[in-house]
All heavy atoms as atom14 arrays in JSON, in Angstrom:
{
  "sequence": "ADDPAAAALGQALFFDTRLSSNGRVSCATCHLPGRQFQDDVALASGV",
  "atom14_mask": [
    [1, 1, 1, 1, 1, 0, 0, 0, 0, 0, 0, 0, 0, 0],
    [1, 1, 1, 1, 1, 1, 1, 1, 0, 0, 0, 0, 0, 0],
    [1, 1, 1, 1, 1, 1, 1, 1, 0, 0, 0, 0, 0, 0],
    [1, 1, 1, 1, 1, 1, 1, 0, 0, 0, 0, 0, 0, 0],
    [1, 1, 1, 1, 1, 0, 0, 0, 0, 0, 0, 0, 0, 0],
    [1, 1, 1, 1, 1, 0, 0, 0, 0, 0, 0, 0, 0, 0],
    [1, 1, 1, 1, 1, 0, 0, 0, 0, 0, 0, 0, 0, 0],
    [1, 1, 1, 1, 1, 0, 0, 0, 0, 0, 0, 0, 0, 0],
    [1, 1, 1, 1, 1, 1, 1, 1, 0, 0, 0, 0, 0, 0],
    [1, 1, 1, 1, 0, 0, 0, 0, 0, 0, 0, 0, 0, 0],
    [1, 1, 1, 1, 1, 1, 1, 1, 1, 0, 0, 0, 0, 0],
    [1, 1, 1, 1, 1, 0, 0, 0, 0, 0, 0, 0, 0, 0],
    [1, 1, 1, 1, 1, 1, 1, 1, 0, 0, 0, 0, 0, 0],
    [1, 1, 1, 1, 1, 1, 1, 1, 1, 1, 1, 0, 0, 0],
    [1, 1, 1, 1, 1, 1, 1, 1, 1, 1, 1, 0, 0, 0],
    [1, 1, 1, 1, 1, 1, 1, 1, 0, 0, 0, 0, 0, 0],
    [1, 1, 1, 1, 1, 1, 1, 0, 0, 0, 0, 0, 0, 0],
    [1, 1, 1, 1, 1, 1, 1, 1, 1, 1, 1, 0, 0, 0],
    [1, 1, 1, 1, 1, 1, 1, 1, 0, 0, 0, 0, 0, 0],
    [1, 1, 1, 1, 1, 1, 0, 0, 0, 0, 0, 0, 0, 0],
    [1, 1, 1, 1, 1, 1, 0, 0, 0, 0, 0, 0, 0, 0],
    [1, 1, 1, 1, 1, 1, 1, 1, 0, 0, 0, 0, 0, 0],
    [1, 1, 1, 1, 0, 0, 0, 0, 0, 0, 0, 0, 0, 0],
    [1, 1, 1, 1, 1, 1, 1, 1, 1, 1, 1, 0, 0, 0],
    [1, 1, 1, 1, 1, 1, 1, 0, 0, 0, 0, 0, 0, 0],
    [1, 1, 1, 1, 1, 1, 0, 0, 0, 0, 0, 0, 0, 0],
    [1, 1, 1, 1, 1, 1, 0, 0, 0, 0, 0, 0, 0, 0],
    [1, 1, 1, 1, 1, 0, 0, 0, 0, 0, 0, 0, 0, 0],
    [1, 1, 1, 1, 1, 1, 1, 0, 0, 0, 0, 0, 0, 0],
    [1, 1, 1, 1, 1, 1, 0, 0, 0, 0, 0, 0, 0, 0],
    [1, 1, 1, 1, 1, 1, 1, 1, 1, 1, 0, 0, 0, 0],
    [1, 1, 1, 1, 1, 1, 1, 1, 0, 0, 0, 0, 0, 0],
    [1, 1, 1, 1, 1, 1, 1, 0, 0, 0, 0, 0, 0, 0],
    [1, 1, 1, 1, 0, 0, 0, 0, 0, 0, 0, 0, 0, 0],
    [1, 1, 1, 1, 1, 1, 1, 1, 1, 1, 1, 0, 0, 0],
    [1, 1, 1, 1, 1, 1, 1, 1, 1, 0, 0, 0, 0, 0],
    [1, 1, 1, 1, 1, 1, 1, 1, 1, 1, 1, 0, 0, 0],
    [1, 1, 1, 1, 1, 1, 1, 1, 1, 0, 0, 0, 0, 0],
    [1, 1, 1, 1, 1, 1, 1, 1, 0, 0, 0, 0, 0, 0],
    [1, 1, 1, 1, 1, 1, 1, 1, 0, 0, 0, 0, 0, 0],
    [1, 1, 1, 1, 1, 1, 1, 0, 0, 0, 0, 0, 0, 0],
    [1, 1, 1, 1, 1, 0, 0, 0, 0, 0, 0, 0, 0, 0],
    [1, 1, 1, 1, 1, 1, 1, 1, 0, 0, 0, 0, 0, 0],
    [1, 1, 1, 1, 1, 0, 0, 0, 0, 0, 0, 0, 0, 0],
    [1, 1, 1, 1, 1, 1, 0, 0, 0, 0, 0, 0, 0, 0],
    [1, 1, 1, 1, 0, 0, 0, 0, 0, 0, 0, 0, 0, 0],
    [1, 1, 1, 1, 1, 1, 1, 0, 0, 0, 0, 0, 0, 0]
  ],
  "atom14_positions": [
    [[10.85, -12.02, -8.55], [11.15, -11.36, -7.28], [12.24, -10.3, -7.4], [12.19, -9.28, -6.72], [11.55, -12.41, -6.23], [0.0, 0.0, 0.0], [0.0, 0.0, 0.0], [0.0, 0.0, 0.0], [0.0, 0.0, 0.0], [0.0, 0.0, 0.0], [0.0, 0.0, 0.0], [0.0, 0.0, 0.0], [0.0, 0.0, 0.0], [0.0, 0.0, 0.0]],
    [[13.22, -10.52, -8.26], [14.34, -9.58, -8.38], [14.37, -8.89, -9.74], [15.41, -8.4, -10.17], [15.65, -10.32, -8.11], [15.71, -10.84, -6.68], [15.53, -10.04, -5.75], [15.91, -12.06, -6.5], [0.0, 0.0, 0.0], [0.0, 0.0, 0.0], [0.0, 0.0, 0.0], [0.0, 0.0, 0.0], [0.0, 0.0, 0.0], [0.0, 0.0, 0.0]],
    [[13.22, -8.84, -10.4], [13.08, -8.17, -11.69], [12.8, -6.68, -11.44], [11.78, -6.34, -10.85], [11.93, -8.81, -12.47], [11.75, -8.23, -13.86], [12.09, -7.05, -14.08], [11.23, -8.95, -14.73], [0.0, 0.0, 0.0], [0.0, 0.0, 0.0], [0.0, 0.0, 0.0], [0.0, 0.0, 0.0], [0.0, 0.0, 0.0], [0.0, 0.0, 0.0]],
    [[13.68, -5.77, -11.85], [13.45, -4.35, -11.61], [12.14, -3.83, -12.21], [11.48, -2.97, -11.61], [14.66, -3.67, -12.26], [15.71, -4.73, -12.29], [14.98, -6.02, -12.5], [0.0, 0.0, 0.0], [0.0, 0.0, 0.0], [0.0, 0.0, 0.0], [0.0, 0.0, 0.0], [0.0, 0.0, 0.0], [0.0, 0.0, 0.0], [0.0, 0.0, 0.0]],
    [[11.77, -4.34, -13.37], [10.51, -3.9, -13.99], [9.32, -4.35, -13.14], [8.34, -3.6, -12.97], [10.39, -4.44, -15.41], [0.0, 0.0, 0.0], [0.0, 0.0, 0.0], [0.0, 0.0, 0.0], [0.0, 0.0, 0.0], [0.0, 0.0, 0.0], [0.0, 0.0, 0.0], [0.0, 0.0, 0.0], [0.0, 0.0, 0.0], [0.0, 0.0, 0.0]],
    [[9.38, -5.55, -12.59], [8.31, -6.02, -11.71], [8.25, -5.18, -10.46], [7.17, -4.85, -9.97], [8.53, -7.49, -11.37], [0.0, 0.0, 0.0], [0.0, 0.0, 0.0], [0.0, 0.0, 0.0], [0.0, 0.0, 0.0], [0.0, 0.0, 0.0], [0.0, 0.0, 0.0], [0.0, 0.0, 0.0], [0.0, 0.0, 0.0], [0.0, 0.0, 0.0]],
    [[9.41, -4.81, -9.92], [9.44, -3.97, -8.72], [8.83, -2.59, -9.0], [8.11, -2.04, -8.15], [10.87, -3.83, -8.22], [0.0, 0.0, 0.0], [0.0, 0.0, 0.0], [0.0, 0.0, 0.0], [0.0, 0.0, 0.0], [0.0, 0.0, 0.0], [0.0, 0.0, 0.0], [0.0, 0.0, 0.0], [0.0, 0.0, 0.0], [0.0, 0.0, 0.0]],
    [[9.12, -2.03, -10.17], [8.55, -0.73, -10.52], [7.02, -0.81, -10.63], [6.3, 0.07, -10.15], [9.15, -0.22, -11.82], [0.0, 0.0, 0.0], [0.0, 0.0, 0.0], [0.0, 0.0, 0.0], [0.0, 0.0, 0.0], [0.0, 0.0, 0.0], [0.0, 0.0, 0.0], [0.0, 0.0, 0.0], [0.0, 0.0, 0.0], [0.0, 0.0, 0.0]],
    [[6.53, -1.88, -11.27], [5.08, -2.08, -11.34], [4.51, -2.31, -9.94], [3.45, -1.76, -9.59], [4.77, -3.27, -12.24], [3.29, -3.7, -12.31], [2.4, -2.55, -12.79], [3.13, -4.93, -13.19], [0.0, 0.0, 0.0], [0.0, 0.0, 0.0], [0.0, 0.0, 0.0], [0.0, 0.0, 0.0], [0.0, 0.0, 0.0], [0.0, 0.0, 0.0]],
    [[5.21, -3.1, -9.14], [4.74, -3.37, -7.79], [4.65, -2.11, -6.94], [3.72, -1.95, -6.15], [0.0, 0.0, 0.0], [0.0, 0.0, 0.0], [0.0, 0.0, 0.0], [0.0, 0.0, 0.0], [0.0, 0.0, 0.0], [0.0, 0.0, 0.0], [0.0, 0.0, 0.0], [0.0, 0.0, 0.0], [0.0, 0.0, 0.0], [0.0, 0.0, 0.0]],
    [[5.6, -1.21, -7.11], [5.54, 0.06, -6.38], [4.3, 0.85, -6.76], [3.6, 1.41, -5.91], [6.8, 0.88, -6.65], [6.83, 2.21, -5.91], [8.08, 3.0, -6.2], [8.98, 2.55, -6.93], [8.17, 4.2, -5.65], [0.0, 0.0, 0.0], [0.0, 0.0, 0.0], [0.0, 0.0, 0.0], [0.0, 0.0, 0.0], [0.0, 0.0, 0.0]],
    [[4.01, 0.92, -8.06], [2.81, 1.63, -8.51], [1.55, 0.99, -7.94], [0.64, 1.69, -7.46], [2.77, 1.65, -10.04], [0.0, 0.0, 0.0], [0.0, 0.0, 0.0], [0.0, 0.0, 0.0], [0.0, 0.0, 0.0], [0.0, 0.0, 0.0], [0.0, 0.0, 0.0], [0.0, 0.0, 0.0], [0.0, 0.0, 0.0], [0.0, 0.0, 0.0]],
    [[1.49, -0.33, -7.94], [0.32, -1.02, -7.41], [0.2, -0.83, -5.9], [-0.91, -0.71, -5.37], [0.43, -2.52, -7.74], [0.35, -2.89, -9.22], [0.73, -4.35, -9.42], [-1.04, -2.61, -9.78], [0.0, 0.0, 0.0], [0.0, 0.0, 0.0], [0.0, 0.0, 0.0], [0.0, 0.0, 0.0], [0.0, 0.0, 0.0], [0.0, 0.0, 0.0]],
    [[1.32, -0.79, -5.2], [1.33, -0.63, -3.75], [0.64, 0.67, -3.33], [-0.04, 0.72, -2.3], [2.78, -0.65, -3.25], [2.95, -0.66, -1.76], [3.02, -1.85, -1.06], [3.05, 0.53, -1.04], [3.18, -1.86, 0.32], [3.2, 0.54, 0.33], [3.28, -0.67, 1.02], [0.0, 0.0, 0.0], [0.0, 0.0, 0.0], [0.0, 0.0, 0.0]],
    [[0.8, 1.71, -4.13], [0.24, 3.03, -3.79], [-1.08, 3.32, -4.49], [-1.63, 4.41, -4.32], [1.26, 4.12, -4.14], [2.45, 4.18, -3.22], [3.62, 3.52, -3.53], [2.38, 4.9, -2.03], [4.73, 3.57, -2.68], [3.48, 4.97, -1.18], [4.65, 4.3, -1.5], [0.0, 0.0, 0.0], [0.0, 0.0, 0.0], [0.0, 0.0, 0.0]],
    [[-1.62, 2.39, -5.24], [-2.79, 2.65, -6.08], [-4.09, 2.37, -5.32], [-4.4, 1.21, -5.01], [-2.73, 1.79, -7.34], [-3.69, 2.27, -8.42], [-4.71, 2.91, -8.09], [-3.42, 1.99, -9.61], [0.0, 0.0, 0.0], [0.0, 0.0, 0.0], [0.0, 0.0, 0.0], [0.0, 0.0, 0.0], [0.0, 0.0, 0.0], [0.0, 0.0, 0.0]],
    [[-4.86, 3.4, -5.05], [-6.13, 3.23, -4.33], [-7.22, 2.6, -5.2], [-8.28, 2.22, -4.67], [-6.64, 4.58, -3.81], [-6.81, 5.48, -4.91], [-5.67, 5.19, -2.81], [0.0, 0.0, 0.0], [0.0, 0.0, 0.0], [0.0, 0.0, 0.0], [0.0, 0.0, 0.0], [0.0, 0.0, 0.0], [0.0, 0.0, 0.0], [0.0, 0.0, 0.0]],
    [[-6.97, 2.48, -6.5], [-7.95, 1.8, -7.34], [-8.04, 0.31, -7.02], [-8.99, -0.37, -7.42], [-7.59, 2.0, -8.82], [-7.92, 3.4, -9.33], [-7.32, 3.67, -10.68], [-5.87, 3.83, -10.58], [-5.15, 4.62, -11.38], [-5.74, 5.3, -12.33], [-3.84, 4.71, -11.21], [0.0, 0.0, 0.0], [0.0, 0.0, 0.0], [0.0, 0.0, 0.0]],
    [[-7.06, -0.19, -6.29], [-7.1, -1.58, -5.87], [-7.87, -1.7, -4.55], [-7.37, -2.19, -3.53], [-5.68, -2.14, -5.71], [-4.82, -2.17, -6.98], [-3.5, -2.85, -6.7], [-5.54, -2.9, -8.11], [0.0, 0.0, 0.0], [0.0, 0.0, 0.0], [0.0, 0.0, 0.0], [0.0, 0.0, 0.0], [0.0, 0.0, 0.0], [0.0, 0.0, 0.0]],
    [[-9.1, -1.22, -4.58], [-9.99, -1.33, -3.42], [-11.41, -1.14, -3.88], [-11.66, -0.61, -4.98], [-9.64, -0.29, -2.35], [-9.88, 1.03, -2.82], [0.0, 0.0, 0.0], [0.0, 0.0, 0.0], [0.0, 0.0, 0.0], [0.0, 0.0, 0.0], [0.0, 0.0, 0.0], [0.0, 0.0, 0.0], [0.0, 0.0, 0.0], [0.0, 0.0, 0.0]],
    [[-12.34, -1.56, -3.05], [-13.75, -1.47, -3.45], [-14.27, -0.05, -3.45], [-15.2, 0.28, -4.2], [-14.6, -2.32, -2.5], [-14.5, -1.86, -1.17], [0.0, 0.0, 0.0], [0.0, 0.0, 0.0], [0.0, 0.0, 0.0], [0.0, 0.0, 0.0], [0.0, 0.0, 0.0], [0.0, 0.0, 0.0], [0.0, 0.0, 0.0], [0.0, 0.0, 0.0]],
    [[-13.68, 0.83, -2.63], [-14.18, 2.22, -2.56], [-13.25, 3.24, -3.22], [-13.52, 4.43, -3.19], [-14.44, 2.62, -1.1], [-13.18, 2.6, -0.25], [-12.07, 2.43, -0.76], [-13.34, 2.78, 1.06], [0.0, 0.0, 0.0], [0.0, 0.0, 0.0], [0.0, 0.0, 0.0], [0.0, 0.0, 0.0], [0.0, 0.0, 0.0], [0.0, 0.0, 0.0]],
    [[-12.14, 2.78, -3.79], [-11.22, 3.68, -4.47], [-10.42, 4.57, -3.54], [-9.81, 5.54, -3.99], [0.0, 0.0, 0.0], [0.0, 0.0, 0.0], [0.0, 0.0, 0.0], [0.0, 0.0, 0.0], [0.0, 0.0, 0.0], [0.0, 0.0, 0.0], [0.0, 0.0, 0.0], [0.0, 0.0, 0.0], [0.0, 0.0, 0.0], [0.0, 0.0, 0.0]],
    [[-10.4, 4.22, -2.25], [-9.7, 5.08, -1.28], [-8.63, 4.34, -0.48], [-7.94, 4.96, 0.34], [-10.7, 5.72, -0.32], [-11.69, 6.65, -0.98], [-12.43, 7.51, 0.03], [-13.23, 6.73, 0.95], [-14.5, 6.39, 0.73], [-15.11, 6.77, -0.38], [-15.17, 5.68, 1.62], [0.0, 0.0, 0.0], [0.0, 0.0, 0.0], [0.0, 0.0, 0.0]],
    [[-8.47, 3.05, -0.7], [-7.54, 2.26, 0.1], [-6.46, 1.65, -0.79], [-6.75, 1.05, -1.82], [-8.28, 1.13, 0.85], [-7.29, 0.23, 1.58], [-9.31, 1.71, 1.81], [0.0, 0.0, 0.0], [0.0, 0.0, 0.0], [0.0, 0.0, 0.0], [0.0, 0.0, 0.0], [0.0, 0.0, 0.0], [0.0, 0.0, 0.0], [0.0, 0.0, 0.0]],
    [[-5.21, 1.84, -0.4], [-4.08, 1.19, -1.06], [-3.29, 0.42, 0.0], [-3.57, 0.52, 1.2], [-3.16, 2.22, -1.73], [-2.45, 2.96, -0.74], [0.0, 0.0, 0.0], [0.0, 0.0, 0.0], [0.0, 0.0, 0.0], [0.0, 0.0, 0.0], [0.0, 0.0, 0.0], [0.0, 0.0, 0.0], [0.0, 0.0, 0.0], [0.0, 0.0, 0.0]],
    [[-2.29, -0.31, -0.42], [-1.42, -0.97, 0.55], [-0.8, 0.06, 1.49], [-0.62, -0.19, 2.69], [-0.3, -1.74, -0.15], [-0.85, -3.0, -1.32], [0.0, 0.0, 0.0], [0.0, 0.0, 0.0], [0.0, 0.0, 0.0], [0.0, 0.0, 0.0], [0.0, 0.0, 0.0], [0.0, 0.0, 0.0], [0.0, 0.0, 0.0], [0.0, 0.0, 0.0]],
    [[-0.46, 1.23, 0.95], [0.18, 2.28, 1.73], [-0.77, 2.95, 2.72], [-0.32, 3.75, 3.55], [0.77, 3.33, 0.78], [0.0, 0.0, 0.0], [0.0, 0.0, 0.0], [0.0, 0.0, 0.0], [0.0, 0.0, 0.0], [0.0, 0.0, 0.0], [0.0, 0.0, 0.0], [0.0, 0.0, 0.0], [0.0, 0.0, 0.0], [0.0, 0.0, 0.0]],
    [[-2.06, 2.65, 2.66], [-2.99, 3.21, 3.63], [-2.66, 2.71, 5.04], [-2.73, 3.47, 6.01], [-4.43, 2.83, 3.27], [-4.76, 3.39, 1.99], [-5.43, 3.33, 4.31], [0.0, 0.0, 0.0], [0.0, 0.0, 0.0], [0.0, 0.0, 0.0], [0.0, 0.0, 0.0], [0.0, 0.0, 0.0], [0.0, 0.0, 0.0], [0.0, 0.0, 0.0]],
    [[-2.32, 1.43, 5.16], [-1.94, 0.87, 6.46], [-0.42, 0.75, 6.61], [0.09, 0.81, 7.73], [-2.58, -0.5, 6.65], [-4.38, -0.45, 6.79], [0.0, 0.0, 0.0], [0.0, 0.0, 0.0], [0.0, 0.0, 0.0], [0.0, 0.0, 0.0], [0.0, 0.0, 0.0], [0.0, 0.0, 0.0], [0.0, 0.0, 0.0], [0.0, 0.0, 0.0]],
    [[0.27, 0.54, 5.5], [1.73, 0.42, 5.53], [2.33, 1.76, 5.1], [2.73, 1.94, 3.96], [2.18, -0.72, 4.62], [1.67, -2.06, 5.04], [2.2, -2.76, 6.1], [0.65, -2.82, 4.57], [1.55, -3.9, 6.26], [0.6, -3.97, 5.34], [0.0, 0.0, 0.0], [0.0, 0.0, 0.0], [0.0, 0.0, 0.0], [0.0, 0.0, 0.0]],
    [[2.39, 2.68, 6.06], [2.82, 4.05, 5.77], [4.34, 4.12, 5.64], [5.06, 3.79, 6.59], [2.36, 4.98, 6.89], [0.84, 5.05, 7.14], [0.55, 5.71, 8.47], [0.17, 5.81, 6.01], [0.0, 0.0, 0.0], [0.0, 0.0, 0.0], [0.0, 0.0, 0.0], [0.0, 0.0, 0.0], [0.0, 0.0, 0.0], [0.0, 0.0, 0.0]],
    [[4.85, 4.56, 4.51], [6.3, 4.59, 4.32], [7.05, 5.4, 5.37], [8.15, 5.02, 5.78], [6.46, 5.21, 2.92], [5.19, 4.88, 2.22], [4.13, 4.95, 3.27], [0.0, 0.0, 0.0], [0.0, 0.0, 0.0], [0.0, 0.0, 0.0], [0.0, 0.0, 0.0], [0.0, 0.0, 0.0], [0.0, 0.0, 0.0], [0.0, 0.0, 0.0]],
    [[6.46, 6.49, 5.82], [7.13, 7.32, 6.82], [7.03, 6.79, 8.23], [7.6, 7.39, 9.16], [0.0, 0.0, 0.0], [0.0, 0.0, 0.0], [0.0, 0.0, 0.0], [0.0, 0.0, 0.0], [0.0, 0.0, 0.0], [0.0, 0.0, 0.0], [0.0, 0.0, 0.0], [0.0, 0.0, 0.0], [0.0, 0.0, 0.0], [0.0, 0.0, 0.0]],
    [[6.33, 5.68, 8.42], [6.13, 5.11, 9.76], [6.53, 3.62, 9.77], [5.83, 2.79, 10.34], [4.66, 5.25, 10.19], [4.18, 6.69, 10.31], [4.93, 7.46, 11.38], [4.89, 6.75, 12.66], [5.88, 6.75, 13.53], [7.0, 7.39, 13.27], [5.77, 6.08, 14.66], [0.0, 0.0, 0.0], [0.0, 0.0, 0.0], [0.0, 0.0, 0.0]],
    [[7.67, 3.32, 9.14], [8.17, 1.95, 9.06], [7.18, 1.01, 8.36], [7.12, -0.17, 8.64], [8.47, 1.39, 10.46], [9.56, 2.11, 11.21], [9.88, 1.41, 12.51], [10.08, 0.2, 12.55], [9.92, 2.16, 13.59], [0.0, 0.0, 0.0], [0.0, 0.0, 0.0], [0.0, 0.0, 0.0], [0.0, 0.0, 0.0], [0.0, 0.0, 0.0]],
    [[6.38, 1.57, 7.48], [5.39, 0.78, 6.73], [4.4, 0.09, 7.68], [4.0, -1.04, 7.45], [6.08, -0.22, 5.79], [6.7, 0.45, 4.59], [7.99, 0.99, 4.67], [6.01, 0.57, 3.41], [8.56, 1.62, 3.57], [6.57, 1.2, 2.3], [7.85, 1.74, 2.39], [0.0, 0.0, 0.0], [0.0, 0.0, 0.0], [0.0, 0.0, 0.0]],
    [[4.0, 0.8, 8.73], [2.89, 0.4, 9.6], [2.11, 1.67, 9.93], [2.4, 2.73, 9.39], [3.39, -0.35, 10.84], [4.41, 0.41, 11.66], [3.79, 1.33, 12.69], [2.92, 0.93, 13.43], [4.26, 2.57, 12.76], [0.0, 0.0, 0.0], [0.0, 0.0, 0.0], [0.0, 0.0, 0.0], [0.0, 0.0, 0.0], [0.0, 0.0, 0.0]],
    [[1.1, 1.58, 10.79], [0.16, 2.7, 10.89], [-0.1, 3.25, 12.29], [-0.96, 4.12, 12.46], [-1.18, 2.31, 10.25], [-1.8, 1.06, 10.89], [-1.25, 0.56, 11.9], [-2.81, 0.57, 10.36], [0.0, 0.0, 0.0], [0.0, 0.0, 0.0], [0.0, 0.0, 0.0], [0.0, 0.0, 0.0], [0.0, 0.0, 0.0], [0.0, 0.0, 0.0]],
    [[0.6, 2.76, 13.31], [0.51, 3.34, 14.66], [-0.84, 3.16, 15.34], [-1.13, 3.87, 16.31], [0.85, 4.84, 14.65], [2.28, 5.11, 14.24], [3.16, 4.35, 14.63], [2.51, 6.11, 13.52], [0.0, 0.0, 0.0], [0.0, 0.0, 0.0], [0.0, 0.0, 0.0], [0.0, 0.0, 0.0], [0.0, 0.0, 0.0], [0.0, 0.0, 0.0]],
    [[-1.68, 2.27, 14.88], [-2.97, 2.05, 15.54], [-3.09, 0.59, 15.94], [-2.42, -0.29, 15.38], [-4.17, 2.47, 14.65], [-4.13, 3.96, 14.36], [-4.19, 1.68, 13.36], [0.0, 0.0, 0.0], [0.0, 0.0, 0.0], [0.0, 0.0, 0.0], [0.0, 0.0, 0.0], [0.0, 0.0, 0.0], [0.0, 0.0, 0.0], [0.0, 0.0, 0.0]],
    [[-3.96, 0.33, 16.91], [-4.09, -1.03, 17.44], [-4.66, -1.99, 16.4], [-4.2, -3.13, 16.29], [-4.97, -1.01, 18.68], [0.0, 0.0, 0.0], [0.0, 0.0, 0.0], [0.0, 0.0, 0.0], [0.0, 0.0, 0.0], [0.0, 0.0, 0.0], [0.0, 0.0, 0.0], [0.0, 0.0, 0.0], [0.0, 0.0, 0.0], [0.0, 0.0, 0.0]],
    [[-5.68, -1.54, 15.66], [-6.33, -2.39, 14.67], [-6.36, -1.65, 13.35], [-6.85, -0.53, 13.26], [-7.76, -2.74, 15.13], [-7.88, -3.44, 16.48], [-9.35, -3.61, 16.86], [-7.16, -4.79, 16.47], [0.0, 0.0, 0.0], [0.0, 0.0, 0.0], [0.0, 0.0, 0.0], [0.0, 0.0, 0.0], [0.0, 0.0, 0.0], [0.0, 0.0, 0.0]],
    [[-5.84, -2.28, 12.32], [-5.75, -1.63, 11.02], [-7.14, -1.35, 10.45], [-8.09, -2.1, 10.66], [-4.97, -2.52, 10.05], [0.0, 0.0, 0.0], [0.0, 0.0, 0.0], [0.0, 0.0, 0.0], [0.0, 0.0, 0.0], [0.0, 0.0, 0.0], [0.0, 0.0, 0.0], [0.0, 0.0, 0.0], [0.0, 0.0, 0.0], [0.0, 0.0, 0.0]],
    [[-7.23, -0.26, 9.69], [-8.5, 0.12, 9.07], [-8.31, 0.33, 7.58], [-7.45, 1.1, 7.16], [-9.04, 1.42, 9.68], [-9.41, 1.22, 11.03], [0.0, 0.0, 0.0], [0.0, 0.0, 0.0], [0.0, 0.0, 0.0], [0.0, 0.0, 0.0], [0.0, 0.0, 0.0], [0.0, 0.0, 0.0], [0.0, 0.0, 0.0], [0.0, 0.0, 0.0]],
    [[-9.12, -0.41, 6.8], [-9.18, -0.2, 5.36], [-10.58, 0.25, 5.02], [-11.04, 1.3, 5.48], [0.0, 0.0, 0.0], [0.0, 0.0, 0.0], [0.0, 0.0, 0.0], [0.0, 0.0, 0.0], [0.0, 0.0, 0.0], [0.0, 0.0, 0.0], [0.0, 0.0, 0.0], [0.0, 0.0, 0.0], [0.0, 0.0, 0.0], [0.0, 0.0, 0.0]],
    [[-11.31, -0.55, 4.24], [-12.72, -0.24, 4.01], [-13.55, -0.55, 5.25], [-14.69, -0.13, 5.4], [-13.28, -0.98, 2.78], [-12.54, -0.56, 1.52], [-13.2, -2.5, 2.96], [0.0, 0.0, 0.0], [0.0, 0.0, 0.0], [0.0, 0.0, 0.0], [0.0, 0.0, 0.0], [0.0, 0.0, 0.0], [0.0, 0.0, 0.0], [0.0, 0.0, 0.0]]
  ]
}
């Protein structure tokens, strides 16, 4: 949890759209960094 190397890898994974079935969705798709890590819509949309 407090390993800097794990955090660096986790950051890369958080933004990686390859972690989805269509190659277009990452954690940051719904958790937008510039919007308090949320997305301003009633129901979240991924694939």
